[in-house]
PDB file of N, CA and C in Angstrom:
ATOM      1  N   MET A   1     -70.919 -69.377 -20.205  1.00  0.00           N
ATOM      2  CA  MET A   1     -70.310 -68.868 -21.481  1.00  0.00           C
ATOM      3  C   MET A   1     -71.079 -67.799 -21.923  1.00  0.00           C
ATOM      4  N   VAL A   2     -70.321 -66.799 -22.585  1.00  0.00           N
ATOM      5  CA  VAL A   2     -70.963 -65.764 -23.086  1.00  0.00           C
ATOM      6  C   VAL A   2     -71.011 -65.754 -24.522  1.00  0.00           C
ATOM      7  N   LEU A   3     -72.218 -65.624 -25.207  1.00  0.00           N
ATOM      8  CA  LEU A   3     -72.579 -65.697 -26.596  1.00  0.00           C
ATOM      9  C   LEU A   3     -72.837 -64.482 -27.275  1.00  0.00           C
ATOM     10  N   ILE A   4     -72.671 -64.492 -28.659  1.00  0.00           N
ATOM     11  CA  ILE A   4     -73.235 -63.255 -29.411  1.00  0.00           C
ATOM     12  C   ILE A   4     -73.603 -63.829 -30.605  1.00  0.00           C
ATOM     13  N   ASN A   5     -74.731 -63.023 -31.323  1.00  0.00           N
ATOM     14  CA  ASN A   5     -75.303 -63.688 -32.553  1.00  0.00           C
ATOM     15  C   ASN A   5     -74.962 -62.530 -33.587  1.00  0.00           C
ATOM     16  N   LYS A   6     -75.431 -63.044 -34.729  1.00  0.00           N
ATOM     17  CA  LYS A   6     -75.116 -62.163 -35.936  1.00  0.00           C
ATOM     18  C   LYS A   6     -75.782 -60.780 -35.972  1.00  0.00           C
ATOM     19  N   HIS A   7     -76.556 -60.417 -34.963  1.00  0.00           N
ATOM     20  CA  HIS A   7     -77.314 -59.200 -34.860  1.00  0.00           C
ATOM     21  C   HIS A   7     -76.436 -58.290 -33.787  1.00  0.00           C
ATOM     22  N   ARG A   8     -75.263 -59.007 -33.200  1.00  0.00           N
ATOM     23  CA  ARG A   8     -74.473 -58.425 -32.314  1.00  0.00           C
ATOM     24  C   ARG A   8     -75.261 -58.323 -30.807  1.00  0.00           C
ATOM     25  N   ASN A   9     -76.206 -59.191 -30.556  1.00  0.00           N
ATOM     26  CA  ASN A   9     -76.890 -59.193 -29.272  1.00  0.00           C
ATOM     27  C   ASN A   9     -76.022 -60.266 -28.447  1.00  0.00           C
ATOM     28  N   VAL A  10     -75.768 -59.737 -27.153  1.00  0.00           N
ATOM     29  CA  VAL A  10     -75.020 -60.634 -26.355  1.00  0.00           C
ATOM     30  C   VAL A  10     -75.894 -61.384 -25.360  1.00  0.00           C
ATOM     31  N   GLY A  11     -75.446 -62.519 -25.052  1.00  0.00           N
ATOM     32  CA  GLY A  11     -76.356 -63.517 -24.180  1.00  0.00           C
ATOM     33  C   GLY A  11     -75.200 -64.243 -23.142  1.00  0.00           C
ATOM     34  N   ILE A  12     -75.818 -64.703 -22.275  1.00  0.00           N
ATOM     35  CA  ILE A  12     -75.067 -65.647 -21.227  1.00  0.00           C
ATOM     36  C   ILE A  12     -75.754 -67.059 -21.378  1.00  0.00           C
ATOM     37  N   LEU A  13     -75.063 -68.029 -21.697  1.00  0.00           N
ATOM     38  CA  LEU A  13     -75.491 -69.397 -21.764  1.00  0.00           C
ATOM     39  C   LEU A  13     -75.934 -69.838 -20.226  1.00  0.00           C
ATOM     40  N   ILE A  14     -77.322 -70.373 -19.976  1.00  0.00           N
ATOM     41  CA  ILE A  14     -77.527 -70.723 -18.652  1.00  0.00           C
ATOM     42  C   ILE A  14     -77.809 -72.389 -18.531  1.00  0.00           C
ATOM     43  N   GLY A  15     -78.092 -72.971 -19.874  1.00  0.00           N
ATOM     44  CA  GLY A  15     -78.527 -74.301 -19.922  1.00  0.00           C
ATOM     45  C   GLY A  15     -78.609 -74.820 -21.242  1.00  0.00           C
ATOM     46  N   GLY A  16     -78.379 -76.107 -21.382  1.00  0.00           N
ATOM     47  CA  GLY A  16     -78.336 -76.627 -22.779  1.00  0.00           C
ATOM     48  C   GLY A  16     -76.949 -76.777 -23.162  1.00  0.00           C
ATOM     49  N   ASP A  17     -76.861 -77.357 -24.500  1.00  0.00           N
ATOM     50  CA  ASP A  17     -75.441 -77.819 -24.913  1.00  0.00           C
ATOM     51  C   ASP A  17     -75.345 -76.987 -26.323  1.00  0.00           C
ATOM     52  N   LEU A  18     -74.429 -76.512 -26.726  1.00  0.00           N
ATOM     53  CA  LEU A  18     -74.369 -75.765 -27.982  1.00  0.00           C
ATOM     54  C   LEU A  18     -74.404 -76.762 -29.197  1.00  0.00           C
ATOM     55  N   ILE A  19     -74.049 -77.944 -28.779  1.00  0.00           N
ATOM     56  CA  ILE A  19     -74.185 -79.106 -29.909  1.00  0.00           C
ATOM     57  C   ILE A  19     -75.371 -79.974 -30.213  1.00  0.00           C
ATOM     58  N   LYS A  20     -75.805 -80.325 -29.076  1.00  0.00           N
ATOM     59  CA  LYS A  20     -76.828 -81.258 -29.270  1.00  0.00           C
ATOM     60  C   LYS A  20     -78.216 -81.090 -28.570  1.00  0.00           C
ATOM     61  N   THR A  21     -78.376 -80.128 -27.757  1.00  0.00           N
ATOM     62  CA  THR A  21     -79.606 -80.273 -27.131  1.00  0.00           C
ATOM     63  C   THR A  21     -80.617 -79.619 -28.098  1.00  0.00           C
ATOM     64  N   LYS A  22     -82.045 -79.783 -27.732  1.00  0.00           N
ATOM     65  CA  LYS A  22     -83.087 -79.272 -28.606  1.00  0.00           C
ATOM     66  C   LYS A  22     -83.187 -77.764 -28.300  1.00  0.00           C
ATOM     67  N   TYR A  23     -83.188 -77.259 -26.821  1.00  0.00           N
ATOM     68  CA  TYR A  23     -83.570 -75.942 -26.472  1.00  0.00           C
ATOM     69  C   TYR A  23     -82.148 -75.500 -25.733  1.00  0.00           C
ATOM     70  N   ILE A  24     -81.766 -74.216 -26.124  1.00  0.00           N
ATOM     71  CA  ILE A  24     -80.578 -73.503 -25.496  1.00  0.00           C
ATOM     72  C   ILE A  24     -81.102 -72.414 -24.574  1.00  0.00           C
ATOM     73  N   SER A  25     -80.891 -72.492 -23.291  1.00  0.00           N
ATOM     74  CA  SER A  25     -81.422 -71.375 -22.232  1.00  0.00           C
ATOM     75  C   SER A  25     -80.306 -70.300 -22.224  1.00  0.00           C
ATOM     76  N   VAL A  26     -80.738 -69.136 -22.458  1.00  0.00           N
ATOM     77  CA  VAL A  26     -79.906 -67.755 -22.371  1.00  0.00           C
ATOM     78  C   VAL A  26     -80.608 -66.774 -21.557  1.00  0.00           C
ATOM     79  N   ILE A  27     -79.776 -65.811 -20.936  1.00  0.00           N
ATOM     80  CA  ILE A  27     -80.283 -64.610 -20.698  1.00  0.00           C
ATOM     81  C   ILE A  27     -79.654 -63.646 -21.732  1.00  0.00           C
ATOM     82  N   LYS A  28     -80.397 -62.951 -22.276  1.00  0.00           N
ATOM     83  CA  LYS A  28     -80.050 -62.315 -23.446  1.00  0.00           C
ATOM     84  C   LYS A  28     -80.056 -60.577 -22.878  1.00  0.00           C
ATOM     85  N   MET A  29     -78.927 -59.834 -23.398  1.00  0.00           N
ATOM     86  CA  MET A  29     -79.076 -58.451 -22.953  1.00  0.00           C
ATOM     87  C   MET A  29     -80.018 -57.791 -23.905  1.00  0.00           C
ATOM     88  N   ALA A  30     -81.088 -56.968 -23.168  1.00  0.00           N
ATOM     89  CA  ALA A  30     -81.949 -56.339 -24.014  1.00  0.00           C
ATOM     90  C   ALA A  30     -82.607 -55.007 -23.160  1.00  0.00           C
ATOM     91  N   ALA A  31     -83.330 -54.542 -24.174  1.00  0.00           N
ATOM     92  CA  ALA A  31     -84.151 -53.351 -23.435  1.00  0.00           C
ATOM     93  C   ALA A  31     -85.082 -53.914 -22.352  1.00  0.00           C
ATOM     94  N   GLY A  32     -85.327 -53.504 -21.352  1.00  0.00           N
ATOM     95  CA  GLY A  32     -86.240 -53.816 -20.377  1.00  0.00           C
ATOM     96  C   GLY A  32     -85.717 -54.756 -19.479  1.00  0.00           C
ATOM     97  N   GLU A  33     -86.465 -55.407 -18.391  1.00  0.00           N
ATOM     98  CA  GLU A  33     -85.975 -56.364 -17.518  1.00  0.00           C
ATOM     99  C   GLU A  33     -85.342 -57.677 -18.275  1.00  0.00           C
ATOM    100  N   LEU A  34     -84.162 -58.160 -17.849  1.00  0.00           N
ATOM    101  CA  LEU A  34     -83.579 -59.181 -18.339  1.00  0.00           C
ATOM    102  C   LEU A  34     -84.436 -60.366 -17.734  1.00  0.00           C
ATOM    103  N   THR A  35     -84.659 -61.457 -18.675  1.00  0.00           N
ATOM    104  CA  THR A  35     -85.174 -62.620 -18.274  1.00  0.00           C
ATOM    105  C   THR A  35     -84.492 -63.799 -18.911  1.00  0.00           C
ATOM    106  N   THR A  36     -84.806 -65.084 -18.597  1.00  0.00           N
ATOM    107  CA  THR A  36     -84.398 -66.173 -19.111  1.00  0.00           C
ATOM    108  C   THR A  36     -85.032 -66.496 -20.364  1.00  0.00           C
ATOM    109  N   SER A  37     -84.354 -67.042 -21.193  1.00  0.00           N
ATOM    110  CA  SER A  37     -85.025 -67.439 -22.563  1.00  0.00           C
ATOM    111  C   SER A  37     -84.665 -68.909 -22.982  1.00  0.00           C
ATOM    112  N   SER A  38     -85.659 -69.479 -23.524  1.00  0.00           N
ATOM    113  CA  SER A  38     -85.339 -70.796 -24.007  1.00  0.00           C
ATOM    114  C   SER A  38     -85.391 -70.777 -25.545  1.00  0.00           C
ATOM    115  N   ILE A  39     -84.573 -71.083 -26.350  1.00  0.00           N
ATOM    116  CA  ILE A  39     -84.322 -70.816 -27.760  1.00  0.00           C
ATOM    117  C   ILE A  39     -84.216 -72.095 -28.599  1.00  0.00           C
ATOM    118  N   LYS A  40     -85.096 -72.461 -29.347  1.00  0.00           N
ATOM    119  CA  LYS A  40     -85.161 -73.597 -30.019  1.00  0.00           C
ATOM    120  C   LYS A  40     -83.928 -73.775 -30.848  1.00  0.00           C
ATOM    121  N   ARG A  41     -83.548 -74.893 -30.993  1.00  0.00           N
ATOM    122  CA  ARG A  41     -82.136 -75.036 -31.766  1.00  0.00           C
ATOM    123  C   ARG A  41     -82.070 -74.528 -33.218  1.00  0.00           C
ATOM    124  N   ASP A  42     -83.269 -74.731 -33.929  1.00  0.00           N
ATOM    125  CA  ASP A  42     -83.111 -74.023 -35.251  1.00  0.00           C
ATOM    126  C   ASP A  42     -83.052 -72.662 -35.243  1.00  0.00           C
ATOM    127  N   LEU A  43     -83.849 -71.859 -34.478  1.00  0.00           N
ATOM    128  CA  LEU A  43     -83.798 -70.390 -34.313  1.00  0.00           C
ATOM    129  C   LEU A  43     -82.326 -69.957 -33.781  1.00  0.00           C
ATOM    130  N   PHE A  44     -81.740 -70.691 -32.783  1.00  0.00           N
ATOM    131  CA  PHE A  44     -80.349 -70.441 -32.270  1.00  0.00           C
ATOM    132  C   PHE A  44     -79.510 -70.504 -33.363  1.00  0.00           C
ATOM    133  N   GLU A  45     -79.598 -71.461 -34.218  1.00  0.00           N
ATOM    134  CA  GLU A  45     -78.511 -71.741 -35.306  1.00  0.00           C
ATOM    135  C   GLU A  45     -78.987 -70.648 -36.496  1.00  0.00           C
ATOM    136  N   GLU A  46     -80.111 -70.290 -36.661  1.00  0.00           N
ATOM    137  CA  GLU A  46     -80.685 -69.198 -37.625  1.00  0.00           C
ATOM    138  C   GLU A  46     -79.989 -68.004 -37.161  1.00  0.00           C
ATOM    139  N   GLU A  47     -80.047 -67.490 -35.989  1.00  0.00           N
ATOM    140  CA  GLU A  47     -79.538 -66.361 -35.407  1.00  0.00           C
ATOM    141  C   GLU A  47     -78.024 -66.297 -35.369  1.00  0.00           C
ATOM    142  N   GLU A  48     -77.438 -67.553 -35.666  1.00  0.00           N
ATOM    143  CA  GLU A  48     -75.791 -67.632 -35.504  1.00  0.00           C
ATOM    144  C   GLU A  48     -75.094 -67.200 -34.316  1.00  0.00           C
ATOM    145  N   TRP A  49     -75.865 -67.869 -33.182  1.00  0.00           N
ATOM    146  CA  TRP A  49     -75.207 -67.583 -31.778  1.00  0.00           C
ATOM    147  C   TRP A  49     -73.912 -68.499 -31.786  1.00  0.00           C
ATOM    148  N   VAL A  50     -72.634 -67.928 -31.495  1.00  0.00           N
ATOM    149  CA  VAL A  50     -71.612 -68.284 -31.189  1.00  0.00           C
ATOM    150  C   VAL A  50     -70.870 -67.809 -29.884  1.00  0.00           C
ATOM    151  N   LYS A  51     -69.850 -68.723 -29.444  1.00  0.00           N
ATOM    152  CA  LYS A  51     -69.332 -68.185 -28.164  1.00  0.00           C
ATOM    153  C   LYS A  51     -68.456 -67.017 -28.528  1.00  0.00           C
ATOM    154  N   TYR A  52     -68.542 -66.028 -27.415  1.00  0.00           N
ATOM    155  CA  TYR A  52     -67.918 -64.853 -27.721  1.00  0.00           C
ATOM    156  C   TYR A  52     -66.732 -64.609 -26.538  1.00  0.00           C
ATOM    157  N   GLU A  53     -65.742 -64.342 -27.065  1.00  0.00           N
ATOM    158  CA  GLU A  53     -64.654 -64.344 -26.163  1.00  0.00           C
ATOM    159  C   GLU A  53     -64.452 -62.853 -25.150  1.00  0.00           C
ATOM    160  N   TYR A  54     -65.213 -63.130 -24.044  1.00  0.00           N
ATOM    161  CA  TYR A  54     -65.446 -62.018 -23.376  1.00  0.00           C
ATOM    162  C   TYR A  54     -65.415 -62.628 -21.828  1.00  0.00           C
ATOM    163  N   PRO A  55     -64.898 -62.101 -20.794  1.00  0.00           N
ATOM    164  CA  PRO A  55     -64.874 -62.585 -19.395  1.00  0.00           C
ATOM    165  C   PRO A  55     -66.235 -62.847 -18.977  1.00  0.00           C
ATOM    166  N   VAL A  56     -66.378 -64.035 -18.492  1.00  0.00           N
ATOM    167  CA  VAL A  56     -67.961 -64.240 -18.032  1.00  0.00           C
ATOM    168  C   VAL A  56     -68.255 -63.485 -16.960  1.00  0.00           C
ATOM    169  N   GLU A  57     -67.316 -63.658 -15.903  1.00  0.00           N
ATOM    170  CA  GLU A  57     -67.510 -62.788 -14.532  1.00  0.00           C
ATOM    171  C   GLU A  57     -67.882 -61.192 -14.983  1.00  0.00           C
ATOM    172  N   LYS A  58     -67.088 -60.634 -15.906  1.00  0.00           N
ATOM    173  CA  LYS A  58     -67.431 -59.264 -16.262  1.00  0.00           C
ATOM    174  C   LYS A  58     -68.790 -59.266 -16.858  1.00  0.00           C
ATOM    175  N   ALA A  59     -69.126 -60.152 -17.837  1.00  0.00           N
ATOM    176  CA  ALA A  59     -70.442 -59.971 -18.420  1.00  0.00           C
ATOM    177  C   ALA A  59     -71.576 -60.179 -17.334  1.00  0.00           C
ATOM    178  N   VAL A  60     -71.313 -61.255 -16.471  1.00  0.00           N
ATOM    179  CA  VAL A  60     -72.418 -61.361 -15.228  1.00  0.00           C
ATOM    180  C   VAL A  60     -72.500 -60.052 -14.624  1.00  0.00           C
ATOM    181  N   ARG A  61     -71.700 -59.485 -14.035  1.00  0.00           N
ATOM    182  CA  ARG A  61     -71.709 -58.232 -13.397  1.00  0.00           C
ATOM    183  C   ARG A  61     -72.376 -57.195 -14.084  1.00  0.00           C
ATOM    184  N   ARG A  62     -72.275 -57.035 -15.457  1.00  0.00           N
ATOM    185  CA  ARG A  62     -72.692 -55.986 -16.115  1.00  0.00           C
ATOM    186  C   ARG A  62     -74.374 -56.319 -16.215  1.00  0.00           C
ATOM    187  N   PHE A  63     -74.701 -57.499 -16.501  1.00  0.00           N
ATOM    188  CA  PHE A  63     -75.944 -58.006 -16.704  1.00  0.00           C
ATOM    189  C   PHE A  63     -76.786 -57.773 -15.244  1.00  0.00           C
ATOM    190  N   LEU A  64     -76.134 -58.003 -14.127  1.00  0.00           N
ATOM    191  CA  LEU A  64     -76.702 -57.750 -12.951  1.00  0.00           C
ATOM    192  C   LEU A  64     -76.871 -56.365 -12.509  1.00  0.00           C
ATOM    193  N   GLU A  65     -76.046 -55.407 -13.413  1.00  0.00           N
ATOM    194  CA  GLU A  65     -76.311 -53.989 -12.904  1.00  0.00           C
ATOM    195  C   GLU A  65     -77.402 -53.305 -14.058  1.00  0.00           C
ATOM    196  N   HIS A  66     -77.945 -54.167 -14.774  1.00  0.00           N
ATOM    197  CA  HIS A  66     -78.845 -53.693 -15.763  1.00  0.00           C
ATOM    198  C   HIS A  66     -79.739 -52.632 -15.322  1.00  0.00           C
ATOM    199  N   SER A  67     -79.768 -51.502 -16.090  1.00  0.00           N
ATOM    200  CA  SER A  67     -80.439 -50.382 -15.522  1.00  0.00           C
ATOM    201  C   SER A  67     -82.047 -50.610 -15.402  1.00  0.00           C
ATOM    202  N   THR A  68     -82.565 -51.510 -16.090  1.00  0.00           N
ATOM    203  CA  THR A  68     -84.098 -51.780 -15.937  1.00  0.00           C
ATOM    204  C   THR A  68     -84.439 -53.043 -15.330  1.00  0.00           C
ATOM    205  N   GLY A  69     -83.575 -53.635 -14.670  1.00  0.00           N
ATOM    206  CA  GLY A  69     -83.771 -54.682 -13.600  1.00  0.00           C
ATOM    207  C   GLY A  69     -83.435 -56.226 -14.464  1.00  0.00           C
ATOM    208  N   VAL A  70     -83.394 -57.179 -13.447  1.00  0.00           N
ATOM    209  CA  VAL A  70     -83.274 -58.526 -13.792  1.00  0.00           C
ATOM    210  C   VAL A  70     -84.157 -59.310 -13.108  1.00  0.00           C
ATOM    211  N   SER A  71     -84.901 -60.136 -13.580  1.00  0.00           N
ATOM    212  CA  SER A  71     -85.858 -61.091 -13.081  1.00  0.00           C
ATOM    213  C   SER A  71     -85.277 -61.875 -11.938  1.00  0.00           C
ATOM    214  N   GLU A  72     -85.974 -62.568 -11.092  1.00  0.00           N
ATOM    215  CA  GLU A  72     -85.667 -63.286 -10.104  1.00  0.00           C
ATOM    216  C   GLU A  72     -84.721 -64.490 -10.410  1.00  0.00           C
ATOM    217  N   ALA A  73     -85.410 -65.119 -11.381  1.00  0.00           N
ATOM    218  CA  ALA A  73     -84.879 -66.337 -12.090  1.00  0.00           C
ATOM    219  C   ALA A  73     -83.512 -66.181 -12.639  1.00  0.00           C
ATOM    220  N   ALA A  74     -83.416 -65.020 -13.524  1.00  0.00           N
ATOM    221  CA  ALA A  74     -82.299 -64.410 -14.305  1.00  0.00           C
ATOM    222  C   ALA A  74     -81.153 -64.268 -13.126  1.00  0.00           C
ATOM    223  N   ARG A  75     -81.575 -63.630 -12.159  1.00  0.00           N
ATOM    224  CA  ARG A  75     -80.718 -63.115 -11.008  1.00  0.00           C
ATOM    225  C   ARG A  75     -80.129 -64.425 -10.403  1.00  0.00           C
ATOM    226  N   ARG A  76     -80.981 -65.244 -10.135  1.00  0.00           N
ATOM    227  CA  ARG A  76     -80.301 -66.392  -9.602  1.00  0.00           C
ATOM    228  C   ARG A  76     -79.298 -67.245 -10.292  1.00  0.00           C
ATOM    229  N   HIS A  77     -79.446 -67.474 -11.687  1.00  0.00           N
ATOM    230  CA  HIS A  77     -78.647 -67.884 -12.531  1.00  0.00           C
ATOM    231  C   HIS A  77     -77.383 -67.072 -12.662  1.00  0.00           C
ATOM    232  N   LEU A  78     -77.413 -65.835 -12.818  1.00  0.00           N
ATOM    233  CA  LEU A  78     -76.293 -64.965 -12.824  1.00  0.00           C
ATOM    234  C   LEU A  78     -75.398 -65.045 -11.473  1.00  0.00           C
ATOM    235  N   GLU A  79     -75.955 -65.172 -10.385  1.00  0.00           N
ATOM    236  CA  GLU A  79     -75.324 -65.226  -9.141  1.00  0.00           C
ATOM    237  C   GLU A  79     -74.575 -66.408  -8.793  1.00  0.00           C
ATOM    238  N   ASN A  80     -75.445 -67.555  -9.603  1.00  0.00           N
ATOM    239  CA  ASN A  80     -74.606 -68.766  -9.556  1.00  0.00           C
ATOM    240  C   ASN A  80     -73.265 -68.757 -10.225  1.00  0.00           C
ATOM    241  N   PHE A  81     -73.305 -68.008 -11.290  1.00  0.00           N
ATOM    242  CA  PHE A  81     -71.932 -68.027 -12.067  1.00  0.00           C
ATOM    243  C   PHE A  81     -70.923 -67.259 -10.906  1.00  0.00           C
ATOM    244  N   ILE A  82     -71.332 -66.351 -10.257  1.00  0.00           N
ATOM    245  CA  ILE A  82     -70.402 -65.730  -9.412  1.00  0.00           C
ATOM    246  C   ILE A  82     -69.983 -66.433  -8.303  1.00  0.00           C
ATOM    247  N   GLY A  83     -70.836 -67.195  -7.703  1.00  0.00           N
ATOM    248  CA  GLY A  83     -70.408 -68.326  -6.522  1.00  0.00           C
ATOM    249  C   GLY A  83     -69.666 -69.223  -7.231  1.00  0.00           C
ATOM    250  N   ALA A  84     -69.724 -69.716  -8.416  1.00  0.00           N
ATOM    251  CA  ALA A  84     -68.915 -70.792  -9.081  1.00  0.00           C
ATOM    252  C   ALA A  84     -67.560 -70.386  -9.246  1.00  0.00           C
ATOM    253  N   GLN A  85     -67.254 -69.094  -9.442  1.00  0.00           N
ATOM    254  CA  GLN A  85     -65.930 -68.337  -9.749  1.00  0.00           C
ATOM    255  C   GLN A  85     -65.398 -68.220  -8.499  1.00  0.00           C
ATOM    256  N   SER A  86     -65.780 -68.216  -7.289  1.00  0.00           N
ATOM    257  CA  SER A  86     -65.276 -68.005  -5.879  1.00  0.00           C
ATOM    258  C   SER A  86     -64.596 -69.326  -5.533  1.00  0.00           C
TER     259      SER A  86
END
């Protein structure tokens, strides 16, 4: 699932549940190498992360093409999305 927050930051949900888990795992589009992040629920809600109507496969491809790279862990998660779509 593609997410966006009140600061217009985009991320891809890789773990957790938007409703009930204590930590939500995402890969956020940012300057520098893309990595996985675990966000505590209260911060996640404070930043107002919500579902973003954007094709997941298109977002994943853009993340994988990030100019400053993608960590191995983030790459594995992103490639799993592509494999699940096939």
